[in-house]
Amino acid sequence: MNDTAPNPRRQTLLASLDGARPSAPAWFQQALEQAPDRGFTEAAGARIETLTWGERGKPGLLFLHGNGAHADWWSFIAPFFSNAYRCTALSWSGMGGSDRRERYSFDIFVEEAMTVAETTGLFESKVKPVFIGHSFGGFPIIEAAARHGERLGGGIIIDTPIFSAERRKERREKGSAWEMRPHKIYPTLEDALQRFRLVPAQPCENLFIADFIARTSLTQVDTSEGSGWTWRFDPYLWRDYEWEDPAPALSAPKCLLAVLLGARSTLMHEGDIARMRRILPLGTPVIDIPEAYHHVPIDQPLALVAALRAVLAGWASASASGENTPMNSGLA
């Protein structure tokens, strides 16, 4: 073992930029110019940060981010849908600008998703809303589809890790990449940006997206421990959290499901994907996004937009023809 080899858990992306913003393509700048309405919704006793685009009354889309992330992960994706849809992105409690809790639970996250969808107008259309979630954001979707699926038009999960009990145990024994200890406070924004990393570690060509996400992942603080910049998520979020097996809910949704995978993602092994395919209802589409690692919205944002549009259009077409059921999605 080479002791001088870089630790992938400490791999940083933006160190070479020295705090400068990298150039970004026109499509990205134009998406960010479609600024969302920012607000809060109370759910289960906590204020939940919300970003909304599009008019009330249009079909609803709820965008749900992954572990340690925040609603602005969707600020360059959701605008592509805002002409035809009422779009909402939330920050889970304990993440982004949402309140922190003393304890977190799976039931609370499902409640947050349903409450935010209700209060931001996603149920005001005659067309049932679709929930879209990346990584951890897919787990509440799977459960919402089983518990409340009759109210939903569908759920799309993006590289959400569906592990067996054995694989979950194996990963716990290897140790979590999310260390439960206080966040460091960096003296300057530039210092903090240079520490930004993706978990799991992976290559990243779109530094303009990584830079945007890093900047929106930080907040300025003035505490007894010092002044500076630190991360906007609760470092103790998972301390008492009980992970549930998603397989029972995944096998019995009351609405359509679709699965998008990063073709280069290393999070799930081939055996995990094969098991997931066996669990999913017959006809559920499982679609690879070429050249995407786990962080699909960063790696291949435009390909992700195209895939989401294709799934939504396929479901709309199937619904119009009376074929829109979990056993026949029309996109297998």
Foldseek 3Di string as FASTA:
>chain_A
DDPPDDDQLQDADCQVVLPDFDDDDPLQVVLLVQFFDWDWDDFPRKTKIKTKAADAQAAEEEEEEAPQFFQCLCSSQCSVCRVRYIYMYIGFDQHFPIHHDPADELVRRLRVRVRVCVVSRNQNYPAAHEYEYAARGQLSVLVCQQVPVVRHQEYEYELHQQDDPVVVVVVVVVPDSQDQDDWDFDAELSVQNRRDADVVGDDADQVNSVSVRSVSQKDWDDDPVGTHITGGGRSCHCVPYDDDRSLVSQQHGFFAYEYEYAPAEPSDDPVSVVVSVVSHAAAHYYHYQYQGYSSRCRGPVVSVSVVVVVQVVQLVVCVVVVNGGRNHSPHD
